[in-house]
Amino acid sequence: MARYNTAPQTLELTGATTFSYAFTGGIISLTGTPGYTVEMVSPVYFPGSRQTFYNATNDFITISTAAGQITGNGVTLGTSVEIPTNSTYQLTSDGTNYVLTSALAGTTEFNLPVHFE
């Protein structure tokens, strides 16, 4: 019987970084002192490659690209996007641009009792 390591991979960044490869299949955890920029690999990686970023700092972190644009939901966001604290953003390559395919911003807290209508 074969055994597979199914634990999620995490890459931790603590400051400004320029990727020379796409870190796919895991979560890139952004830590350290906020206010820095993470630059995506250039040229844009192969279509379908996804990179997931989680901002674990207490302020914004900037994700930028020197190649192509960052787009999302039919709009061009430009060459950079800011990720708020406690947020997870997923960028997927279309071969030319990075597409923001998921943006889960911030945390949701409910204080008990909760009543929904």
Protein backbone atom coordinates (compact mmCIF):
# COMPACT_ATOMS: atom_id res chain seq x y z
CA MET A 1 0.00 0.00 0.00
CA ALA A 2 1.37 3.39 -1.00
CA ARG A 3 1.36 6.26 1.43
CA TYR A 4 0.99 9.85 0.38
CA ASN A 5 1.77 12.98 2.29
CA THR A 6 -1.54 14.83 2.25
CA ALA A 7 -0.55 17.64 4.59
CA PRO A 8 -0.94 21.06 2.96
CA GLN A 9 2.28 22.82 2.04
CA THR A 10 2.96 26.26 3.42
CA LEU A 11 5.60 28.72 2.32
CA GLU A 12 6.15 31.55 4.80
CA LEU A 13 7.34 34.96 3.60
CA THR A 14 8.43 37.60 6.11
CA GLY A 15 9.35 40.45 3.78
CA ALA A 16 9.66 41.74 0.22
CA THR A 17 10.11 38.85 -2.20
CA THR A 18 10.40 38.35 -5.96
CA PHE A 19 9.40 34.85 -7.04
CA SER A 20 11.55 33.02 -9.58
CA TYR A 21 9.03 30.15 -9.71
CA ALA A 22 5.31 29.67 -9.04
CA PHE A 23 4.55 28.08 -5.66
CA THR A 24 1.49 26.02 -6.51
CA GLY A 25 -0.46 23.49 -4.47
CA GLY A 26 0.06 25.19 -1.15
CA ILE A 27 -0.50 28.39 0.80
CA ILE A 28 1.90 31.30 0.84
CA SER A 29 1.62 32.77 4.32
CA LEU A 30 2.60 36.44 4.48
CA THR A 31 4.01 37.29 7.91
CA GLY A 32 6.45 39.76 9.40
CA THR A 33 6.21 43.54 9.33
CA PRO A 34 3.45 44.60 6.88
CA GLY A 35 3.84 47.07 4.04
CA TYR A 36 6.05 45.00 1.78
CA THR A 37 5.50 43.80 -1.81
CA VAL A 38 5.57 40.26 -3.20
CA GLU A 39 6.26 40.13 -6.94
CA MET A 40 4.83 37.22 -8.93
CA VAL A 41 7.04 35.19 -11.27
CA SER A 42 7.73 36.81 -14.63
CA PRO A 43 6.86 35.82 -17.32
CA VAL A 44 3.40 34.69 -16.23
CA TYR A 45 3.43 30.97 -15.41
CA PHE A 46 1.57 28.32 -17.44
CA PRO A 47 -2.25 28.59 -17.70
CA GLY A 48 -4.11 27.11 -14.76
CA SER A 49 -1.30 27.46 -12.22
CA ARG A 50 -2.75 28.81 -8.96
CA GLN A 51 -1.07 30.54 -6.07
CA THR A 52 -2.84 31.13 -2.78
CA PHE A 53 -1.77 33.96 -0.46
CA TYR A 54 -2.83 34.42 3.18
CA ASN A 55 -2.05 37.75 4.86
CA ALA A 56 -1.21 36.94 8.49
CA THR A 57 0.11 40.45 9.22
CA ASN A 58 -1.79 43.29 10.87
CA ASP A 59 -1.99 45.49 7.72
CA PHE A 60 -1.93 45.35 3.92
CA ILE A 61 0.55 43.41 1.78
CA THR A 62 0.92 44.17 -1.95
CA ILE A 63 1.06 41.48 -4.63
CA SER A 64 2.44 42.76 -7.95
CA THR A 65 3.38 41.52 -11.40
CA ALA A 66 6.02 42.77 -13.81
CA ALA A 67 4.44 40.74 -16.62
CA GLY A 68 0.84 41.09 -17.74
CA GLN A 69 -1.89 42.44 -15.48
CA ILE A 70 -3.85 41.31 -12.47
CA THR A 71 -7.45 40.92 -13.56
CA GLY A 72 -10.61 39.73 -11.88
CA ASN A 73 -14.30 39.35 -12.63
CA GLY A 74 -13.99 40.95 -16.05
CA VAL A 75 -11.96 43.99 -14.93
CA THR A 76 -8.28 44.85 -15.01
CA LEU A 77 -7.05 45.63 -11.52
CA GLY A 78 -3.63 46.80 -12.75
CA THR A 79 -0.17 45.50 -11.97
CA SER A 80 -0.76 45.15 -8.23
CA VAL A 81 -3.40 44.34 -5.65
CA GLU A 82 -3.38 44.82 -1.88
CA ILE A 83 -4.38 41.95 0.39
CA PRO A 84 -6.01 43.04 3.67
CA THR A 85 -5.06 41.42 6.98
CA ASN A 86 -6.59 37.98 7.70
CA SER A 87 -7.49 37.56 4.02
CA THR A 88 -6.85 34.82 1.49
CA TYR A 89 -6.43 35.67 -2.21
CA GLN A 90 -5.97 33.13 -4.98
CA LEU A 91 -4.38 34.15 -8.28
CA THR A 92 -4.63 31.85 -11.31
CA SER A 93 -2.54 32.27 -14.45
CA ASP A 94 -4.28 32.44 -17.83
CA GLY A 95 -0.89 32.37 -19.58
CA THR A 96 -0.85 36.15 -20.11
CA ASN A 97 -2.23 37.64 -16.88
CA TYR A 98 -2.87 36.70 -13.27
CA VAL A 99 -6.59 36.36 -12.56
CA LEU A 100 -7.90 36.98 -9.05
CA THR A 101 -10.15 33.91 -8.80
CA SER A 102 -10.89 34.05 -5.08
CA ALA A 103 -10.74 36.81 -2.49
CA LEU A 104 -11.85 35.93 1.02
CA ALA A 105 -11.32 39.16 2.89
CA GLY A 106 -11.09 39.46 6.64
CA THR A 107 -12.76 37.41 9.30
CA THR A 108 -16.39 37.12 10.28
CA GLU A 109 -17.19 36.97 13.97
CA PHE A 110 -20.55 36.14 15.51
CA ASN A 111 -21.31 36.86 19.13
CA LEU A 112 -23.84 34.53 20.70
CA PRO A 113 -26.78 34.57 20.67
CA VAL A 114 -27.17 35.08 16.91
CA HIS A 115 -30.51 35.51 15.14
CA PHE A 116 -30.78 35.31 11.35
CA GLU A 117 -33.92 36.18 9.38
